[in-house]
Amino acid sequence: MADLVYPPVVVALKTFWKYLGLRFDFNGEENLPRKGGAILAMNHVSYLDFALIGTAALPAKRWIRFMAKKELFDNKVAGPLLRGMHHISVDRSSGSASFATALRALESGEFVGIFPEGTISVSFELKEFKSGAVRLAVGAGVPVIPAVVWGSQRLWTKKVKRDLKRNKFPILVTFGQPLHFTKDTDIEEGEAQLRAAMSALLLDVQSRYPDSHIGARWAPVRLGGTAPAPLN
């Protein structure tokens, strides 16, 4: 499919990151397939996660078709951009259409980005996962690449005033090794495997984060931060 909108949006995002003065630490890019369909399963701590993870994946020269809630596509500004970049609208009241669209994209060799938690985690810990990522991987016969982002919640997240000044926050993104599932895979076991992989990656990036988590509103209680305790 023609990508006329994606390239200029990427240029705009790179300019925005430069303005913010963000310090990037991207790892695991070699785990991203250079061709063929694949699912990118990511944690969700901020409104900018999709853009930051997409930026980290640019060296692989793959565009990611993110699955995003239908309400974003209804927005007069965001909607045309999302449709122009061929992202996938998700109607939470009826997910069969979006599942079918994502399946077709994967079977045609596209990269599809999924947030298994379904929404931003206000505790910044992993929430319960929905089963879409593994079901799609089994249906399309493609690998799942676990990925995590950390630091983006300092910019713009739920229930916290956004901070988009020139701030030089560190942003860490890591792509893990591909997970392969078969037609015989038990979906619940597959989701547990995916969650374990993402949890390990998250612990790693948190341990390497250069700024202290102690007393920070953007850090989970487990690390000495003051974010709300997880509900699950």
Protein backbone atom coordinates (compact mmCIF):
# COMPACT_ATOMS: atom_id res chain seq x y z
CA MET A 1 0.00 0.00 0.00
CA ALA A 2 1.17 3.55 -0.73
CA ASP A 3 2.57 5.46 2.26
CA LEU A 4 2.24 9.14 1.44
CA VAL A 5 1.38 10.32 4.96
CA TYR A 6 3.76 8.24 7.11
CA PRO A 7 7.10 9.79 5.93
CA PRO A 8 6.21 13.45 6.61
CA VAL A 9 4.71 12.50 10.01
CA VAL A 10 7.99 10.76 10.90
CA VAL A 11 9.93 13.90 9.94
CA ALA A 12 7.62 16.00 12.12
CA LEU A 13 8.04 13.62 15.06
CA LYS A 14 11.83 13.65 14.77
CA THR A 15 11.73 17.44 14.83
CA PHE A 16 9.49 17.37 17.90
CA TRP A 17 11.80 14.94 19.74
CA LYS A 18 14.76 17.19 18.91
CA TYR A 19 12.89 20.21 20.26
CA LEU A 20 12.16 18.35 23.51
CA GLY A 21 15.81 17.36 23.79
CA LEU A 22 14.95 13.75 24.61
CA ARG A 23 17.81 11.34 25.32
CA PHE A 24 17.09 8.07 23.53
CA ASP A 25 18.41 4.63 24.45
CA PHE A 26 17.04 2.12 21.93
CA ASN A 27 17.98 -1.58 22.11
CA GLY A 28 17.07 -4.82 20.35
CA GLU A 29 16.45 -3.41 16.89
CA GLU A 30 18.07 -6.54 15.45
CA ASN A 31 15.05 -8.51 16.71
CA LEU A 32 12.73 -6.76 14.25
CA PRO A 33 12.19 -8.78 11.05
CA ARG A 34 13.17 -6.93 7.87
CA LYS A 35 10.37 -8.55 5.89
CA GLY A 36 7.15 -10.45 6.48
CA GLY A 37 4.35 -9.91 8.93
CA ALA A 38 4.93 -9.56 12.66
CA ILE A 39 3.14 -8.31 15.75
CA LEU A 40 4.76 -5.74 18.02
CA ALA A 41 3.31 -6.14 21.55
CA MET A 42 4.06 -3.14 23.77
CA ASN A 43 3.47 -1.88 27.30
CA HIS A 44 1.46 1.33 27.62
CA VAL A 45 2.46 4.11 30.02
CA SER A 46 1.82 7.29 28.03
CA TYR A 47 -0.06 8.88 25.15
CA LEU A 48 3.18 9.07 23.14
CA ASP A 49 4.21 5.41 23.36
CA PHE A 50 3.18 4.55 19.80
CA ALA A 51 5.21 7.42 18.36
CA LEU A 52 8.30 6.73 20.46
CA ILE A 53 8.28 2.98 19.80
CA GLY A 54 7.69 3.69 16.12
CA THR A 55 10.73 5.97 16.15
CA ALA A 56 12.84 3.25 17.78
CA ALA A 57 11.82 0.83 15.03
CA LEU A 58 12.84 3.12 12.15
CA PRO A 59 16.28 1.50 11.60
CA ALA A 60 14.45 -1.69 10.58
CA LYS A 61 12.79 0.33 7.79
CA ARG A 62 9.35 -0.97 8.68
CA TRP A 63 6.17 1.07 9.16
CA ILE A 64 4.06 -0.10 12.09
CA ARG A 65 0.27 -0.23 11.69
CA PHE A 66 -0.90 0.48 15.22
CA MET A 67 -4.25 -0.73 16.52
CA ALA A 68 -5.93 2.24 18.22
CA LYS A 69 -9.35 2.96 19.66
CA LYS A 70 -12.05 4.12 17.27
CA GLU A 71 -12.49 7.43 19.11
CA LEU A 72 -9.07 8.59 17.89
CA PHE A 73 -10.10 7.98 14.28
CA ASP A 74 -13.21 10.11 14.87
CA ASN A 75 -11.04 13.10 15.85
CA LYS A 76 -10.97 15.78 13.12
CA VAL A 77 -7.19 16.21 13.35
CA ALA A 78 -5.90 12.79 14.36
CA GLY A 79 -8.38 10.78 12.28
CA PRO A 80 -7.09 11.70 8.80
CA LEU A 81 -3.49 11.14 9.92
CA LEU A 82 -4.25 7.74 11.41
CA ARG A 83 -6.13 6.62 8.33
CA GLY A 84 -3.40 8.02 6.07
CA MET A 85 -0.80 5.94 7.92
CA HIS A 86 -3.06 2.87 7.61
CA HIS A 87 -3.41 2.34 11.34
CA ILE A 88 -6.22 0.05 12.45
CA SER A 89 -9.37 1.32 14.15
CA VAL A 90 -10.58 -0.73 17.13
CA ASP A 91 -14.24 -0.54 18.12
CA ARG A 92 -14.24 -1.89 21.66
CA SER A 93 -17.94 -2.75 21.44
CA SER A 94 -17.28 -5.08 18.49
CA GLY A 95 -13.70 -6.16 17.89
CA SER A 96 -14.27 -8.68 15.09
CA ALA A 97 -13.84 -6.13 12.28
CA SER A 98 -10.55 -4.79 13.63
CA PHE A 99 -9.30 -8.35 14.22
CA ALA A 100 -10.05 -9.21 10.59
CA THR A 101 -8.34 -6.03 9.36
CA ALA A 102 -5.24 -6.73 11.45
CA LEU A 103 -5.19 -10.34 10.23
CA ARG A 104 -5.25 -9.21 6.59
CA ALA A 105 -2.45 -6.72 7.26
CA LEU A 106 -0.28 -9.41 8.87
CA GLU A 107 -0.93 -11.89 6.08
CA SER A 108 0.13 -9.26 3.54
CA GLY A 109 3.47 -8.83 5.35
CA GLU A 110 2.76 -5.78 7.53
CA PHE A 111 3.96 -4.94 11.03
CA VAL A 112 0.99 -4.54 13.43
CA GLY A 113 1.43 -2.79 16.77
CA ILE A 114 -0.71 -3.86 19.74
CA PHE A 115 -0.98 -2.72 23.35
CA PRO A 116 -2.07 -5.98 25.07
CA GLU A 117 -3.17 -4.06 28.18
CA GLY A 118 -5.73 -2.20 26.07
CA THR A 119 -5.21 1.12 27.81
CA ILE A 120 -2.59 3.18 29.66
CA SER A 121 -1.54 1.78 33.01
CA VAL A 122 -1.79 4.55 35.62
CA SER A 123 0.33 2.49 38.02
CA PHE A 124 2.98 2.07 35.28
CA GLU A 125 3.01 -1.66 36.01
CA LEU A 126 1.78 -4.21 33.48
CA LYS A 127 -2.00 -4.60 33.63
CA GLU A 128 -3.94 -7.74 32.75
CA PHE A 129 -3.52 -8.70 29.10
CA LYS A 130 -6.22 -9.21 26.52
CA SER A 131 -5.82 -12.19 24.21
CA GLY A 132 -5.66 -10.42 20.84
CA ALA A 133 -1.90 -10.51 20.23
CA VAL A 134 -1.45 -14.26 20.53
CA ARG A 135 -4.73 -15.02 18.73
CA LEU A 136 -3.62 -12.86 15.79
CA ALA A 137 -0.15 -14.42 15.77
CA VAL A 138 -1.64 -17.93 15.64
CA GLY A 139 -4.16 -16.95 12.98
CA ALA A 140 -1.63 -15.25 10.71
CA GLY A 141 1.33 -17.52 11.45
CA VAL A 142 3.60 -14.61 12.42
CA PRO A 143 5.94 -13.96 15.38
CA VAL A 144 5.22 -11.63 18.28
CA ILE A 145 7.96 -9.16 19.20
CA PRO A 146 7.68 -8.06 22.86
CA ALA A 147 8.65 -4.43 23.41
CA VAL A 148 8.76 -1.98 26.30
CA VAL A 149 9.10 1.77 26.63
CA TRP A 150 10.07 3.64 29.79
CA GLY A 151 10.30 7.35 30.55
CA SER A 152 7.52 8.41 28.19
CA GLN A 153 5.14 8.72 31.16
CA ARG A 154 7.15 11.75 32.27
CA LEU A 155 5.97 13.59 29.16
CA TRP A 156 2.26 12.88 28.92
CA THR A 157 0.17 10.28 30.69
CA LYS A 158 -3.20 9.80 32.36
CA LYS A 159 -4.18 11.89 35.39
CA VAL A 160 -0.92 13.87 35.33
CA LYS A 161 -0.32 17.30 33.80
CA ARG A 162 1.70 16.88 30.63
CA ASP A 163 5.24 18.24 30.45
CA LEU A 164 6.23 19.02 26.86
CA LYS A 165 8.86 21.61 27.65
CA ARG A 166 12.48 21.17 26.66
CA ASN A 167 13.33 18.73 29.40
CA LYS A 168 15.90 16.18 28.14
CA PHE A 169 14.12 13.22 29.73
CA PRO A 170 15.71 9.80 29.07
CA ILE A 171 13.49 7.53 26.96
CA LEU A 172 14.34 3.82 26.84
CA VAL A 173 12.85 1.38 24.31
CA THR A 174 13.82 -2.29 24.05
CA PHE A 175 12.66 -4.91 21.54
CA GLY A 176 12.86 -8.49 22.79
CA GLN A 177 13.43 -11.72 20.92
CA PRO A 178 10.53 -12.95 18.75
CA LEU A 179 8.03 -15.36 20.27
CA HIS A 180 6.63 -18.03 17.96
CA PHE A 181 3.26 -19.68 18.43
CA THR A 182 1.60 -22.52 16.53
CA LYS A 183 -1.94 -23.67 15.84
CA ASP A 184 -1.59 -25.97 18.85
CA THR A 185 -0.71 -23.11 21.21
CA ASP A 186 -2.94 -22.72 24.25
CA ILE A 187 -3.93 -19.04 24.07
CA GLU A 188 -3.79 -18.50 27.83
CA GLU A 189 -0.35 -20.09 28.03
CA GLY A 190 0.77 -17.98 25.10
CA GLU A 191 -0.41 -14.80 26.80
CA ALA A 192 1.42 -15.84 29.98
CA GLN A 193 4.60 -16.35 27.94
CA LEU A 194 4.21 -12.94 26.30
CA ARG A 195 3.56 -11.24 29.63
CA ALA A 196 6.62 -12.91 31.18
CA ALA A 197 8.80 -11.72 28.31
CA MET A 198 7.52 -8.15 28.55
CA SER A 199 7.86 -8.16 32.33
CA ALA A 200 11.50 -9.20 32.06
CA LEU A 201 12.18 -6.45 29.52
CA LEU A 202 10.45 -3.87 31.71
CA LEU A 203 12.49 -4.83 34.77
CA ASP A 204 15.64 -4.52 32.67
CA VAL A 205 14.92 -1.04 31.31
CA GLN A 206 13.86 0.16 34.76
CA SER A 207 17.12 -1.11 36.25
CA ARG A 208 19.09 0.75 33.56
CA TYR A 209 17.12 4.00 33.76
CA PRO A 210 19.59 6.80 34.58
CA ASP A 211 17.25 8.94 36.72
CA SER A 212 16.12 7.96 40.22
CA HIS A 213 12.60 6.61 40.67
CA ILE A 214 12.49 7.44 44.38
CA GLY A 215 9.62 9.79 45.23
CA ALA A 216 8.71 10.34 41.57
CA ARG A 217 5.06 10.59 40.52
CA TRP A 218 5.96 8.91 37.25
CA ALA A 219 7.42 5.84 38.99
CA PRO A 220 5.56 2.82 40.41
CA VAL A 221 5.32 2.12 44.13
CA ARG A 222 7.51 -0.95 43.65
CA LEU A 223 10.42 1.33 42.72
CA GLY A 224 9.80 3.87 45.45
CA GLY A 225 7.64 6.14 43.32
CA THR A 226 4.30 7.72 44.20
CA ALA A 227 2.14 6.53 41.28
CA PRO A 228 -1.17 4.85 42.22
CA ALA A 229 -0.79 1.25 43.37
CA PRO A 230 -1.81 -1.34 40.76
CA LEU A 231 -5.36 -2.66 40.96
CA ASN A 232 -4.55 -6.12 39.60
